[in-house]
Amino acid sequence: MRKFTLSLCLIVSSLMASQGLGQQPDLPQQLSLEQALLYAREHSPLLLAAREEVQAAKGSELTAGLRPNPTFSLNSESYPLFEPSPGAFLNRQELVMTVEQPIETARKRYWRERVAAAAREFVESQASDVQRLVKLRVEQAYSQVLLAQADLDSARELLADYDRIVAINKARFEKGAISGGEFRRIEIERFRFLDDVIVSESNLHNAKVALLTEIGYPHVGSDFETTGSLDVKPVEASMEQLSEDAVRYRPDLGSQRFRLQQARNEMSLQKAIAVPNVSPYVGYKRDFGMNTLAFGIRVPLQVFNRNQGEIARAAAEQRSQDFRLLMTERRIREEVAQAYNNFRAQERRLREIQDFYLERARESRDIAAESYRLGGIDLLILLDAERSYREVVRTFNRARYGAVVGRFELEAAVGKEL
């Protein structure tokens, strides 16, 4: 038997080692948004904690459905203390053994189960709402990585473009076409573009750390590449339609409905508690050598405490949850309206920059560079055109990010993917 147990342990250990059970999977080098969301669903501490709360609620629900335990009692009376009578020990006393079983009346166990079931459904809805919020946070963090990468790519491109200007003017300086002071100024201006690259690299590393933290990956120093883009998908639905969808799908509104149902069931339970339980008992009685049967019933008299206070509390709690449900629905409709308006504004901002300002800023920069090369403008005008183009590119990247995140926030406000 010992050999069989050892062999079984070795087989299980080898399977766990081969399949990587009990270990978090390695992060892929090419990380998509879908992979990040899947990893977060399995390893996010917030989601893991919410699932454990669901298990705790299921335990409470199991307890609520249990019947009360019977009670065993053993009593010995009338045993002569100072002048024991002759005979066996059991024949010199009154010995009573009984088993008592409380019987719950007025469907108390049923209503207790209904209260616990509503509490469990409330916790499950809360866990779904935590998943909704975690999904939004991962989407925002992933988009932040994409923004940082876009800023870095733009900064490197702008630095490369400016390095070509520096190279041209270095040749002109060596030929004596420009003064040393003008060339030094061109070299000093390069630091602005180099600084953008340095800051963008730091922002990219920090954004990746934030994303790994959100999905629950323990090694936040790990490097990876993203496969997504800051392309924005359109939303065809109207705000009124999305508002109605939110009332139907939002898990936090569903949890509030379960909370109201729990309050209603609690009201019924407290009314049932006002009805006294009965506790029949049956037993054996040995009365100085005579064997007899003992039986009876116990019923508490509800004279003073008829559970008036708990009934009043449950009624007030039910009214409170009614108002909270109304408040939650109005807040959700407000969130949908604000998210919808924000997304439309971000969408319009991106369209204006992309269709008009970005191309014109690029043309202005190229014209200024060519004019400067031909000697048509001075250095200050060229540098001003370079700065303007750099700011428009940065604004364009942020507009893309704002539109993408705005759509994610709208999905989170509605409670479903659009």
Protein backbone atom coordinates (compact mmCIF):
# COMPACT_ATOMS: atom_id res chain seq x y z
CA MET A 1 0.00 0.00 0.00
CA ARG A 2 2.88 2.32 0.83
CA LYS A 3 4.48 1.65 -2.58
CA PHE A 4 1.18 2.32 -4.35
CA THR A 5 0.73 5.65 -2.52
CA LEU A 6 4.30 6.70 -3.36
CA SER A 7 3.81 5.81 -7.04
CA LEU A 8 0.55 7.76 -7.16
CA CYS A 9 2.21 10.83 -5.64
CA LEU A 10 5.04 10.64 -8.20
CA ILE A 11 2.55 10.41 -11.07
CA VAL A 12 0.53 13.40 -9.80
CA SER A 13 3.72 15.43 -9.25
CA SER A 14 4.95 14.71 -12.78
CA LEU A 15 1.58 15.69 -14.25
CA MET A 16 1.57 18.94 -12.29
CA ALA A 17 5.10 19.70 -13.38
CA SER A 18 4.35 18.93 -17.03
CA GLN A 19 1.13 20.94 -17.11
CA GLY A 20 2.32 23.77 -14.90
CA LEU A 21 -0.51 23.31 -12.39
CA GLY A 22 -0.37 25.68 -9.42
CA GLN A 23 1.86 28.09 -11.35
CA GLN A 24 0.94 31.26 -13.14
CA PRO A 25 1.52 31.02 -16.90
CA ASP A 26 4.32 32.99 -18.48
CA LEU A 27 3.42 36.27 -20.13
CA PRO A 28 3.50 36.08 -23.94
CA GLN A 29 5.95 38.33 -25.72
CA GLN A 30 3.15 39.59 -27.98
CA LEU A 31 0.30 40.54 -25.63
CA SER A 32 -3.11 41.32 -27.08
CA LEU A 33 -5.94 43.02 -25.21
CA GLU A 34 -7.93 39.77 -25.26
CA GLN A 35 -5.01 37.90 -23.66
CA ALA A 36 -4.63 40.59 -21.01
CA LEU A 37 -8.34 40.40 -20.16
CA LEU A 38 -8.23 36.60 -20.02
CA TYR A 39 -5.23 36.69 -17.70
CA ALA A 40 -6.95 39.24 -15.46
CA ARG A 41 -10.07 37.08 -15.20
CA GLU A 42 -7.93 34.24 -13.84
CA HIS A 43 -5.39 36.10 -11.71
CA SER A 44 -6.69 39.55 -10.72
CA PRO A 45 -6.68 39.76 -6.89
CA LEU A 46 -9.90 41.78 -6.97
CA LEU A 47 -11.70 39.07 -8.94
CA LEU A 48 -10.25 36.28 -6.82
CA ALA A 49 -11.43 38.03 -3.66
CA ALA A 50 -14.90 38.54 -5.15
CA ARG A 51 -15.15 34.84 -6.01
CA GLU A 52 -14.24 33.88 -2.46
CA GLU A 53 -16.99 36.17 -1.20
CA VAL A 54 -19.41 34.25 -3.40
CA GLN A 55 -18.24 30.99 -1.81
CA ALA A 56 -18.76 32.50 1.63
CA ALA A 57 -22.30 33.50 0.67
CA LYS A 58 -22.97 29.95 -0.54
CA GLY A 59 -21.82 28.68 2.85
CA SER A 60 -24.26 31.02 4.58
CA GLU A 61 -27.01 29.80 2.26
CA LEU A 62 -26.22 26.20 3.19
CA THR A 63 -26.40 27.07 6.88
CA ALA A 64 -29.74 28.82 6.42
CA GLY A 65 -31.33 25.64 5.08
CA LEU A 66 -30.33 23.43 8.00
CA ARG A 67 -32.92 22.27 10.51
CA PRO A 68 -32.37 22.94 14.24
CA ASN A 69 -30.52 20.19 16.09
CA PRO A 70 -32.30 18.00 18.63
CA THR A 71 -31.43 18.33 22.31
CA PHE A 72 -30.60 15.45 24.61
CA SER A 73 -31.01 15.91 28.35
CA LEU A 74 -30.29 13.66 31.34
CA ASN A 75 -31.63 14.55 34.79
CA SER A 76 -31.29 12.78 38.10
CA GLU A 77 -33.51 13.86 41.02
CA SER A 78 -34.53 12.77 44.56
CA TYR A 79 -31.32 10.87 45.26
CA PRO A 80 -30.97 10.54 49.07
CA LEU A 81 -27.79 12.37 49.98
CA PHE A 82 -27.29 11.62 53.69
CA GLU A 83 -29.39 8.53 54.24
CA PRO A 84 -29.09 6.41 51.10
CA SER A 85 -31.79 3.81 50.81
CA PRO A 86 -30.81 0.24 50.20
CA GLY A 87 -30.82 -1.22 46.72
CA ALA A 88 -29.12 -0.58 43.39
CA PHE A 89 -27.95 2.89 42.44
CA LEU A 90 -30.51 3.28 39.64
CA ASN A 91 -33.34 2.31 41.99
CA ARG A 92 -32.64 5.05 44.51
CA GLN A 93 -33.46 8.12 42.37
CA GLU A 94 -35.62 9.60 39.66
CA LEU A 95 -33.70 9.34 36.36
CA VAL A 96 -35.06 11.13 33.28
CA MET A 97 -33.59 11.00 29.76
CA THR A 98 -35.32 12.96 26.97
CA VAL A 99 -34.74 13.96 23.36
CA GLU A 100 -36.28 17.23 22.27
CA GLN A 101 -36.70 18.35 18.65
CA PRO A 102 -37.64 21.98 17.95
CA ILE A 103 -40.13 22.38 15.10
CA GLU A 104 -40.02 25.70 13.25
CA THR A 105 -43.43 27.11 12.48
CA ALA A 106 -44.70 29.68 9.97
CA ARG A 107 -42.18 28.50 7.28
CA LYS A 108 -39.23 30.07 9.08
CA ARG A 109 -36.68 27.81 7.37
CA TYR A 110 -38.18 28.60 3.96
CA TRP A 111 -37.92 32.35 4.48
CA ARG A 112 -34.45 32.00 5.98
CA GLU A 113 -33.38 30.14 2.83
CA ARG A 114 -34.93 32.85 0.66
CA VAL A 115 -33.04 35.58 2.55
CA ALA A 116 -29.75 33.68 2.18
CA ALA A 117 -30.42 32.95 -1.52
CA ALA A 118 -31.05 36.63 -2.22
CA ALA A 119 -27.87 37.51 -0.31
CA ARG A 120 -25.91 35.01 -2.39
CA GLU A 121 -27.36 36.39 -5.64
CA PHE A 122 -26.47 39.89 -4.43
CA VAL A 123 -22.84 38.86 -3.86
CA GLU A 124 -22.71 37.11 -7.24
CA SER A 125 -23.96 40.29 -8.94
CA GLN A 126 -21.36 42.29 -7.06
CA ALA A 127 -18.69 39.89 -8.32
CA SER A 128 -19.96 40.46 -11.87
CA ASP A 129 -19.74 44.19 -11.27
CA VAL A 130 -16.17 43.82 -10.02
CA GLN A 131 -15.40 41.95 -13.25
CA ARG A 132 -16.94 44.83 -15.23
CA LEU A 133 -14.74 47.37 -13.43
CA VAL A 134 -11.61 45.22 -13.68
CA LYS A 135 -12.22 44.84 -17.41
CA LEU A 136 -12.42 48.63 -17.78
CA ARG A 137 -9.25 49.16 -15.75
CA VAL A 138 -7.34 46.62 -17.86
CA GLU A 139 -8.63 48.24 -21.07
CA GLN A 140 -7.57 51.66 -19.82
CA ALA A 141 -4.14 50.38 -18.77
CA TYR A 142 -3.66 48.59 -22.09
CA SER A 143 -4.65 51.74 -23.99
CA GLN A 144 -2.19 53.71 -21.88
CA VAL A 145 0.56 51.37 -23.09
CA LEU A 146 -0.57 51.93 -26.69
CA LEU A 147 -0.51 55.72 -26.13
CA ALA A 148 2.97 55.57 -24.63
CA GLN A 149 4.16 53.44 -27.55
CA ALA A 150 2.60 55.86 -30.07
CA ASP A 151 4.26 58.80 -28.31
CA LEU A 152 7.60 57.00 -28.39
CA ASP A 153 7.27 56.15 -32.08
CA SER A 154 6.34 59.75 -32.89
CA ALA A 155 9.17 61.12 -30.75
CA ARG A 156 11.71 58.87 -32.46
CA GLU A 157 10.38 59.82 -35.88
CA LEU A 158 10.55 63.52 -35.06
CA LEU A 159 14.06 63.11 -33.67
CA ALA A 160 15.15 61.32 -36.83
CA ASP A 161 13.63 64.09 -38.96
CA TYR A 162 15.38 66.74 -36.92
CA ASP A 163 18.67 64.83 -37.10
CA ARG A 164 18.45 65.16 -40.87
CA ILE A 165 18.10 68.92 -40.45
CA VAL A 166 21.13 68.90 -38.14
CA ALA A 167 23.11 66.89 -40.71
CA ILE A 168 22.20 69.31 -43.52
CA ASN A 169 23.18 72.33 -41.45
CA LYS A 170 26.38 70.69 -40.33
CA ALA A 171 27.37 70.40 -43.97
CA ARG A 172 26.35 74.03 -44.54
CA PHE A 173 28.37 75.11 -41.49
CA GLU A 174 31.45 73.29 -42.71
CA LYS A 175 31.07 75.08 -46.05
CA GLY A 176 30.66 78.42 -44.30
CA ALA A 177 27.06 78.92 -45.42
CA ILE A 178 25.82 79.50 -41.83
CA SER A 179 27.49 80.86 -38.74
CA GLY A 180 28.71 78.79 -35.83
CA GLY A 181 26.19 80.43 -33.50
CA GLU A 182 23.27 79.43 -35.73
CA PHE A 183 24.52 75.86 -35.98
CA ARG A 184 24.98 75.64 -32.19
CA ARG A 185 21.41 76.80 -31.75
CA ILE A 186 20.22 74.06 -34.09
CA GLU A 187 22.18 71.48 -32.06
CA ILE A 188 20.78 72.77 -28.75
CA GLU A 189 17.21 72.65 -30.10
CA ARG A 190 17.74 68.93 -30.75
CA PHE A 191 17.55 68.29 -26.99
CA ARG A 192 13.81 69.03 -27.04
CA PHE A 193 13.25 66.13 -29.40
CA LEU A 194 15.71 63.88 -27.56
CA ASP A 195 14.00 64.68 -24.26
CA ASP A 196 10.66 63.62 -25.77
CA VAL A 197 12.20 60.24 -26.61
CA ILE A 198 13.61 59.79 -23.09
CA VAL A 199 10.35 60.77 -21.39
CA SER A 200 8.32 58.59 -23.76
CA GLU A 201 10.51 55.56 -23.03
CA SER A 202 10.00 56.09 -19.29
CA ASN A 203 6.25 56.52 -19.74
CA LEU A 204 6.10 53.30 -21.76
CA HIS A 205 7.90 51.30 -19.06
CA ASN A 206 5.62 52.73 -16.35
CA ALA A 207 2.50 52.02 -18.41
CA LYS A 208 3.57 48.40 -18.85
CA VAL A 209 4.15 48.08 -15.10
CA ALA A 210 0.65 49.46 -14.45
CA LEU A 211 -0.88 47.00 -16.91
CA LEU A 212 0.90 44.01 -15.38
CA THR A 213 -0.30 45.10 -11.95
CA GLU A 214 -3.89 45.36 -13.16
CA ILE A 215 -3.95 41.87 -14.65
CA GLY A 216 -2.30 40.34 -11.57
CA TYR A 217 1.03 39.36 -13.09
CA PRO A 218 3.59 39.10 -10.28
CA HIS A 219 6.73 40.08 -12.23
CA VAL A 220 6.02 43.71 -13.07
CA GLY A 221 9.48 44.17 -14.56
CA SER A 222 8.73 41.77 -17.44
CA ASP A 223 8.83 43.23 -20.92
CA PHE A 224 6.36 42.55 -23.71
CA GLU A 225 5.03 44.05 -26.91
CA THR A 226 1.41 45.02 -27.50
CA THR A 227 -0.44 43.91 -30.60
CA GLY A 228 -3.38 46.32 -30.42
CA SER A 229 -3.87 49.76 -31.92
CA LEU A 230 -5.59 53.02 -31.07
CA ASP A 231 -8.14 52.57 -33.84
CA VAL A 232 -11.66 53.55 -32.77
CA LYS A 233 -14.70 51.44 -33.59
CA PRO A 234 -17.88 53.43 -34.23
CA VAL A 235 -20.98 53.23 -32.02
CA GLU A 236 -24.23 53.19 -33.97
CA ALA A 237 -26.72 52.97 -31.07
CA SER A 238 -28.45 56.04 -29.70
CA MET A 239 -28.06 57.27 -26.14
CA GLU A 240 -31.67 56.30 -25.31
CA GLN A 241 -31.11 52.74 -26.53
CA LEU A 242 -27.85 52.43 -24.60
CA SER A 243 -29.55 53.77 -21.47
CA GLU A 244 -32.22 51.08 -21.68
CA ASP A 245 -29.56 48.43 -22.27
CA ALA A 246 -27.72 49.60 -19.16
CA VAL A 247 -30.85 49.21 -17.03
CA ARG A 248 -31.13 45.68 -18.38
CA TYR A 249 -27.49 44.56 -18.20
CA ARG A 250 -25.66 46.50 -15.49
CA PRO A 251 -24.74 44.02 -12.71
CA ASP A 252 -24.70 46.68 -9.98
CA LEU A 253 -28.35 47.47 -10.72
CA GLY A 254 -29.06 43.74 -10.65
CA SER A 255 -27.34 43.45 -7.27
CA GLN A 256 -29.53 46.26 -5.95
CA ARG A 257 -32.61 44.37 -7.13
CA PHE A 258 -31.40 41.31 -5.22
CA ARG A 259 -30.79 43.50 -2.17
CA LEU A 260 -34.40 44.69 -2.37
CA GLN A 261 -35.60 41.09 -2.69
CA GLN A 262 -33.49 40.17 0.31
CA ALA A 263 -35.14 42.96 2.33
CA ARG A 264 -38.59 41.72 1.33
CA ASN A 265 -37.73 38.16 2.30
CA GLU A 266 -36.28 39.45 5.57
CA MET A 267 -39.61 41.13 6.29
CA SER A 268 -41.44 37.83 5.80
CA LEU A 269 -38.88 36.03 7.98
CA GLN A 270 -39.27 38.50 10.85
CA LYS A 271 -43.04 38.10 10.72
CA ALA A 272 -42.56 34.33 10.85
CA ILE A 273 -40.21 34.65 13.83
CA ALA A 274 -43.05 36.32 15.73
CA VAL A 275 -44.86 32.95 15.64
CA PRO A 276 -43.47 30.72 18.43
CA ASN A 277 -41.84 27.39 17.65
CA VAL A 278 -42.96 24.18 19.31
CA SER A 279 -40.55 21.68 20.81
CA PRO A 280 -41.99 18.20 21.44
CA TYR A 281 -39.93 15.79 23.46
CA VAL A 282 -40.00 12.11 24.33
CA GLY A 283 -37.93 10.17 26.79
CA TYR A 284 -37.43 7.53 29.39
CA LYS A 285 -38.03 7.96 33.13
CA ARG A 286 -36.96 5.54 35.83
CA ASP A 287 -38.75 6.39 39.06
CA PHE A 288 -37.23 4.46 41.99
CA GLY A 289 -37.09 1.25 40.06
CA MET A 290 -40.17 1.80 37.92
CA ASN A 291 -39.63 2.31 34.16
CA THR A 292 -41.96 4.89 32.60
CA LEU A 293 -42.34 6.89 29.39
CA ALA A 294 -41.91 10.67 29.46
CA PHE A 295 -43.22 12.95 26.72
CA GLY A 296 -44.49 16.48 26.34
CA ILE A 297 -44.24 19.73 24.38
CA ARG A 298 -42.72 23.12 25.08
CA VAL A 299 -44.09 26.34 23.60
CA PRO A 300 -42.70 29.77 24.50
CA LEU A 301 -45.36 32.34 25.38
CA GLN A 302 -45.01 35.43 23.19
CA VAL A 303 -46.32 37.81 25.84
CA PHE A 304 -43.88 40.70 25.81
CA ASN A 305 -41.49 40.16 22.91
CA ARG A 306 -43.43 39.56 19.72
CA ASN A 307 -40.48 40.63 17.51
CA GLN A 308 -42.01 44.07 17.03
CA GLY A 309 -38.64 45.82 16.78
CA GLU A 310 -37.20 43.52 14.09
CA ILE A 311 -40.39 43.72 12.05
CA ALA A 312 -40.22 47.54 12.14
CA ARG A 313 -36.52 47.43 11.22
CA ALA A 314 -37.18 45.08 8.28
CA ALA A 315 -40.00 47.29 7.01
CA ALA A 316 -37.75 50.38 7.13
CA GLU A 317 -34.94 48.47 5.40
CA GLN A 318 -37.30 47.43 2.63
CA ARG A 319 -38.38 51.02 2.03
CA SER A 320 -34.74 52.12 2.08
CA GLN A 321 -33.79 49.55 -0.57
CA ASP A 322 -36.70 50.73 -2.73
CA PHE A 323 -35.22 54.23 -2.75
CA ARG A 324 -31.71 52.89 -3.31
CA LEU A 325 -32.89 50.95 -6.35
CA LEU A 326 -34.42 54.11 -7.79
CA MET A 327 -31.25 56.08 -7.04
CA THR A 328 -29.04 53.39 -8.62
CA GLU A 329 -31.08 53.35 -11.82
CA ARG A 330 -30.92 57.14 -12.14
CA ARG A 331 -27.18 57.14 -11.48
CA ILE A 332 -26.65 54.50 -14.18
CA ARG A 333 -28.65 56.48 -16.71
CA GLU A 334 -26.54 59.53 -15.82
CA GLU A 335 -23.29 57.56 -16.29
CA VAL A 336 -24.45 56.33 -19.69
CA ALA A 337 -25.38 59.85 -20.80
CA GLN A 338 -22.06 61.28 -19.65
CA ALA A 339 -20.03 58.44 -21.19
CA TYR A 340 -21.97 58.76 -24.46
CA ASN A 341 -21.43 62.53 -24.65
CA ASN A 342 -17.76 62.15 -23.79
CA PHE A 343 -17.24 59.50 -26.48
CA ARG A 344 -18.97 61.63 -29.12
CA ALA A 345 -16.84 64.63 -28.14
CA GLN A 346 -13.63 62.57 -28.27
CA GLU A 347 -14.70 61.09 -31.59
CA ARG A 348 -15.31 64.54 -33.06
CA ARG A 349 -12.02 65.87 -31.66
CA LEU A 350 -10.11 63.00 -33.25
CA ARG A 351 -11.86 63.44 -36.59
CA GLU A 352 -11.08 67.17 -36.72
CA ILE A 353 -7.40 66.65 -35.92
CA GLN A 354 -7.02 63.71 -38.27
CA ASP A 355 -8.89 65.22 -41.22
CA PHE A 356 -7.59 68.77 -41.04
CA TYR A 357 -4.91 69.80 -38.56
CA LEU A 358 -2.51 66.86 -38.69
CA GLU A 359 -1.98 66.96 -42.44
CA ARG A 360 -1.66 70.74 -42.52
CA ALA A 361 0.83 70.76 -39.66
CA ARG A 362 2.90 68.16 -41.52
CA GLU A 363 2.73 70.17 -44.74
CA SER A 364 3.68 73.34 -42.87
CA ARG A 365 6.68 71.60 -41.32
CA ASP A 366 7.82 70.16 -44.67
CA ILE A 367 7.40 73.50 -46.46
CA ALA A 368 9.33 75.29 -43.72
CA ALA A 369 12.13 72.71 -43.88
CA GLU A 370 12.42 73.02 -47.67
CA SER A 371 12.25 76.82 -47.52
CA TYR A 372 14.94 76.89 -44.88
CA ARG A 373 17.12 74.60 -46.98
CA LEU A 374 16.74 77.00 -49.91
CA GLY A 375 17.40 80.01 -47.69
CA GLY A 376 13.88 81.42 -47.97
CA ILE A 377 13.20 81.61 -44.21
CA ASP A 378 15.31 81.95 -41.10
CA LEU A 379 15.91 79.40 -38.36
CA LEU A 380 13.26 80.69 -35.95
CA ILE A 381 10.45 80.03 -38.42
CA LEU A 382 11.71 76.49 -39.03
CA LEU A 383 11.94 75.74 -35.31
CA ASP A 384 8.47 77.14 -34.76
CA ALA A 385 7.08 74.87 -37.50
CA GLU A 386 8.83 71.86 -35.95
CA ARG A 387 7.38 72.63 -32.50
CA SER A 388 3.90 73.11 -33.92
CA TYR A 389 4.02 69.79 -35.74
CA ARG A 390 5.32 68.05 -32.62
CA GLU A 391 2.42 69.41 -30.53
CA VAL A 392 -0.16 68.44 -33.15
CA VAL A 393 1.23 64.88 -33.27
CA ARG A 394 1.10 64.60 -29.48
CA THR A 395 -2.43 65.98 -29.46
CA PHE A 396 -3.42 63.52 -32.18
CA ASN A 397 -2.10 60.57 -30.15
CA ARG A 398 -4.05 61.73 -27.10
CA ALA A 399 -7.17 62.22 -29.16
CA ARG A 400 -6.90 58.62 -30.38
CA TYR A 401 -6.37 57.45 -26.82
CA GLY A 402 -9.29 59.53 -25.56
CA ALA A 403 -11.64 58.11 -28.17
CA VAL A 404 -10.58 54.50 -27.53
CA VAL A 405 -10.88 54.84 -23.76
CA GLY A 406 -14.13 56.77 -24.17
CA ARG A 407 -15.59 53.81 -26.01
CA PHE A 408 -14.41 51.42 -23.30
CA GLU A 409 -15.98 53.66 -20.65
CA LEU A 410 -19.23 53.71 -22.61
CA GLU A 411 -19.22 49.91 -22.75
CA ALA A 412 -18.60 49.77 -19.02
CA ALA A 413 -21.43 52.23 -18.39
CA VAL A 414 -23.82 50.13 -20.48
CA GLY A 415 -22.61 46.84 -19.00
CA LYS A 416 -22.00 44.99 -22.27
CA GLU A 417 -19.78 45.11 -25.33
CA LEU A 418 -21.02 47.36 -28.12
